[in-house]
Structures are given as structure tokens and as C-alpha cells.
Amino acid sequence: MNTTVSMLAEIPEVLHESLKSYLETHPDWDQDRVFAAALSLFLLQNGTGNTPEASRSYRRAAQVYLETLFRNSV
């Protein structure tokens, strides 16, 4: 099941400029793809697998991360 969560977040201006520059030079990527990759990587790096549910969440985050990285543009 795919659930969409809408986010509104303020980011530092320097990060915004960096993201804008990245997107201008990488046309296969968009803002949503960058955020999905960044958030899933953060969860992978900071998650624990101490319970069965945590392990499932970790695997799902890993799947999202890899799918996001290797997705081709449409």
C-alpha cells in the first residue's frame, strides 16, 4: 500500500540554492525524488532493527532508497 504524506518544510537558503543547482544540472531528478532519496537514506542510517516491525520498516526504507536512486526518467 502506498500512502502519500504531504510535507511543507522550511530549509536553509543555502540548502535550497544547492538543491536548485542540482536539479538544474540533473534533469532526470525532481524535488520529490531528491527528498525521497534523502529521507529514506536518513532512516536507513538512523534506524534500528530491534523488533520485527523495525526490521520491516528498515527493509521498506531500503527498497524506497534503491528504487529512487535507480528509477529512470519517464
N, C-alpha and C. Protein backbone atom coordinates (compact mmCIF):
# COMPACT_ATOMS: atom_id res chain seq x y z
N MET A 1 0.84 -1.17 0.00
CA MET A 1 0.00 0.00 0.00
C MET A 1 0.89 1.24 0.00
N ASN A 2 0.64 2.15 -0.91
CA ASN A 2 1.37 3.42 -0.95
C ASN A 2 0.54 4.51 -0.30
N THR A 3 1.12 5.17 0.66
CA THR A 3 0.48 6.27 1.33
C THR A 3 1.27 7.53 1.05
N THR A 4 0.60 8.59 0.66
CA THR A 4 1.27 9.85 0.38
C THR A 4 1.14 10.76 1.58
N VAL A 5 2.25 11.34 1.99
CA VAL A 5 2.26 12.32 3.06
C VAL A 5 2.72 13.63 2.45
N SER A 6 1.91 14.64 2.57
CA SER A 6 2.28 15.95 2.05
C SER A 6 3.07 16.70 3.11
N MET A 7 4.20 17.30 2.69
CA MET A 7 5.05 18.00 3.65
C MET A 7 5.27 19.43 3.19
N LEU A 8 5.30 20.30 4.15
CA LEU A 8 5.70 21.68 3.92
C LEU A 8 6.80 21.94 4.92
N ALA A 9 8.01 22.20 4.43
CA ALA A 9 9.15 22.36 5.33
C ALA A 9 10.00 23.53 4.87
N GLU A 10 10.47 24.28 5.83
CA GLU A 10 11.41 25.34 5.53
C GLU A 10 12.81 24.76 5.64
N ILE A 11 13.64 25.08 4.64
CA ILE A 11 15.02 24.63 4.66
C ILE A 11 15.92 25.86 4.55
N PRO A 12 17.14 25.75 5.04
CA PRO A 12 18.05 26.89 4.94
C PRO A 12 18.25 27.31 3.48
N GLU A 13 18.44 28.60 3.27
CA GLU A 13 18.57 29.14 1.92
C GLU A 13 19.73 28.49 1.17
N VAL A 14 20.85 28.26 1.85
CA VAL A 14 22.00 27.66 1.18
C VAL A 14 21.66 26.24 0.70
N LEU A 15 20.85 25.50 1.45
CA LEU A 15 20.42 24.18 1.03
C LEU A 15 19.46 24.27 -0.15
N HIS A 16 18.59 25.25 -0.11
CA HIS A 16 17.66 25.48 -1.22
C HIS A 16 18.41 25.79 -2.51
N GLU A 17 19.42 26.65 -2.42
CA GLU A 17 20.21 27.00 -3.60
C GLU A 17 20.97 25.78 -4.12
N SER A 18 21.49 24.98 -3.23
CA SER A 18 22.20 23.77 -3.62
C SER A 18 21.26 22.79 -4.33
N LEU A 19 20.06 22.61 -3.78
CA LEU A 19 19.07 21.74 -4.40
C LEU A 19 18.67 22.26 -5.77
N LYS A 20 18.44 23.55 -5.87
CA LYS A 20 18.06 24.16 -7.14
C LYS A 20 19.15 23.95 -8.19
N SER A 21 20.40 24.14 -7.80
CA SER A 21 21.52 23.94 -8.71
C SER A 21 21.61 22.48 -9.14
N TYR A 22 21.42 21.56 -8.20
CA TYR A 22 21.47 20.14 -8.52
C TYR A 22 20.38 19.78 -9.53
N LEU A 23 19.17 20.25 -9.29
CA LEU A 23 18.06 19.92 -10.18
C LEU A 23 18.24 20.51 -11.57
N GLU A 24 18.87 21.67 -11.65
CA GLU A 24 19.13 22.28 -12.96
C GLU A 24 20.12 21.47 -13.79
N THR A 25 21.03 20.77 -13.13
CA THR A 25 22.05 20.01 -13.85
C THR A 25 21.74 18.52 -13.94
N HIS A 26 20.66 18.08 -13.32
CA HIS A 26 20.24 16.67 -13.36
C HIS A 26 18.76 16.59 -13.73
N PRO A 27 18.45 16.68 -15.03
CA PRO A 27 17.05 16.74 -15.45
C PRO A 27 16.24 15.48 -15.15
N ASP A 28 16.90 14.36 -14.87
CA ASP A 28 16.17 13.12 -14.54
C ASP A 28 15.62 13.14 -13.11
N TRP A 29 16.07 14.08 -12.32
CA TRP A 29 15.65 14.17 -10.93
C TRP A 29 14.66 15.31 -10.77
N ASP A 30 13.76 15.17 -9.79
CA ASP A 30 12.89 16.26 -9.39
C ASP A 30 12.93 16.38 -7.87
N GLN A 31 12.30 17.40 -7.35
CA GLN A 31 12.33 17.66 -5.91
C GLN A 31 11.82 16.48 -5.11
N ASP A 32 10.74 15.87 -5.56
CA ASP A 32 10.17 14.74 -4.82
C ASP A 32 11.13 13.55 -4.77
N ARG A 33 11.80 13.30 -5.88
CA ARG A 33 12.75 12.19 -5.92
C ARG A 33 13.92 12.45 -4.99
N VAL A 34 14.43 13.67 -4.97
CA VAL A 34 15.55 14.02 -4.07
C VAL A 34 15.14 13.84 -2.61
N PHE A 35 13.95 14.34 -2.26
CA PHE A 35 13.50 14.22 -0.87
C PHE A 35 13.26 12.77 -0.48
N ALA A 36 12.72 11.96 -1.38
CA ALA A 36 12.50 10.54 -1.08
C ALA A 36 13.84 9.84 -0.84
N ALA A 37 14.83 10.13 -1.69
CA ALA A 37 16.15 9.52 -1.51
C ALA A 37 16.80 9.97 -0.21
N ALA A 38 16.73 11.26 0.06
CA ALA A 38 17.36 11.80 1.27
C ALA A 38 16.70 11.27 2.54
N LEU A 39 15.38 11.25 2.57
CA LEU A 39 14.68 10.80 3.76
C LEU A 39 14.87 9.30 3.98
N SER A 40 14.80 8.51 2.92
CA SER A 40 15.00 7.07 3.09
C SER A 40 16.43 6.76 3.53
N LEU A 41 17.43 7.49 2.99
CA LEU A 41 18.80 7.28 3.43
C LEU A 41 18.96 7.66 4.90
N PHE A 42 18.36 8.76 5.32
CA PHE A 42 18.41 9.16 6.73
C PHE A 42 17.83 8.06 7.61
N LEU A 43 16.68 7.51 7.23
CA LEU A 43 16.06 6.46 8.02
C LEU A 43 16.91 5.20 8.06
N LEU A 44 17.56 4.88 6.95
CA LEU A 44 18.46 3.72 6.93
C LEU A 44 19.64 3.92 7.87
N GLN A 45 20.20 5.11 7.85
CA GLN A 45 21.37 5.38 8.67
C GLN A 45 21.05 5.50 10.16
N ASN A 46 19.82 5.86 10.49
CA ASN A 46 19.47 6.12 11.88
C ASN A 46 18.47 5.15 12.47
N GLY A 47 18.02 4.18 11.68
CA GLY A 47 17.05 3.22 12.19
C GLY A 47 17.71 2.06 12.91
N THR A 48 16.92 1.35 13.65
CA THR A 48 17.39 0.14 14.31
C THR A 48 16.45 -1.00 13.96
N GLY A 49 16.93 -2.18 14.04
CA GLY A 49 16.12 -3.35 13.73
C GLY A 49 15.88 -4.20 14.95
N ASN A 50 15.57 -3.58 16.08
CA ASN A 50 15.44 -4.30 17.34
C ASN A 50 14.14 -5.09 17.45
N THR A 51 13.17 -4.79 16.63
CA THR A 51 11.89 -5.51 16.67
C THR A 51 11.55 -5.96 15.26
N PRO A 52 10.64 -6.91 15.12
CA PRO A 52 10.23 -7.33 13.77
C PRO A 52 9.66 -6.17 12.95
N GLU A 53 8.87 -5.30 13.57
CA GLU A 53 8.30 -4.16 12.84
C GLU A 53 9.40 -3.20 12.41
N ALA A 54 10.39 -2.96 13.26
CA ALA A 54 11.51 -2.08 12.91
C ALA A 54 12.30 -2.68 11.75
N SER A 55 12.46 -3.98 11.75
CA SER A 55 13.17 -4.64 10.65
C SER A 55 12.41 -4.50 9.34
N ARG A 56 11.09 -4.64 9.40
CA ARG A 56 10.28 -4.46 8.19
C ARG A 56 10.36 -3.02 7.69
N SER A 57 10.31 -2.06 8.61
CA SER A 57 10.42 -0.66 8.23
C SER A 57 11.77 -0.37 7.60
N TYR A 58 12.82 -0.96 8.14
CA TYR A 58 14.16 -0.78 7.61
C TYR A 58 14.24 -1.31 6.18
N ARG A 59 13.68 -2.50 5.96
CA ARG A 59 13.70 -3.09 4.61
C ARG A 59 12.89 -2.24 3.64
N ARG A 60 11.75 -1.71 4.08
CA ARG A 60 10.94 -0.85 3.20
C ARG A 60 11.68 0.43 2.86
N ALA A 61 12.37 1.02 3.84
CA ALA A 61 13.15 2.23 3.58
C ALA A 61 14.28 1.93 2.59
N ALA A 62 14.91 0.78 2.74
CA ALA A 62 15.97 0.38 1.82
C ALA A 62 15.42 0.21 0.41
N GLN A 63 14.24 -0.38 0.30
CA GLN A 63 13.62 -0.58 -1.01
C GLN A 63 13.30 0.78 -1.66
N VAL A 64 12.73 1.70 -0.89
CA VAL A 64 12.43 3.03 -1.42
C VAL A 64 13.71 3.73 -1.88
N TYR A 65 14.75 3.64 -1.06
CA TYR A 65 16.02 4.28 -1.38
C TYR A 65 16.57 3.76 -2.71
N LEU A 66 16.63 2.45 -2.85
CA LEU A 66 17.19 1.87 -4.07
C LEU A 66 16.31 2.14 -5.29
N GLU A 67 15.01 2.04 -5.13
CA GLU A 67 14.11 2.35 -6.26
C GLU A 67 14.25 3.80 -6.67
N THR A 68 14.39 4.69 -5.72
CA THR A 68 14.52 6.11 -6.01
C THR A 68 15.82 6.39 -6.76
N LEU A 69 16.90 5.78 -6.31
CA LEU A 69 18.21 6.01 -6.95
C LEU A 69 18.25 5.50 -8.39
N PHE A 70 17.64 4.35 -8.63
CA PHE A 70 17.78 3.70 -9.92
C PHE A 70 16.58 3.86 -10.84
N ARG A 71 15.65 4.72 -10.46
CA ARG A 71 14.48 4.98 -11.29
C ARG A 71 14.92 5.75 -12.53
N ASN A 72 14.40 5.35 -13.66
CA ASN A 72 14.66 6.07 -14.91
C ASN A 72 13.62 7.17 -15.09
N SER A 73 14.00 8.21 -15.78
CA SER A 73 13.04 9.28 -16.05
C SER A 73 11.99 8.77 -17.02
N VAL A 74 10.81 9.34 -16.92
CA VAL A 74 9.69 8.91 -17.77
C VAL A 74 9.49 9.90 -18.87
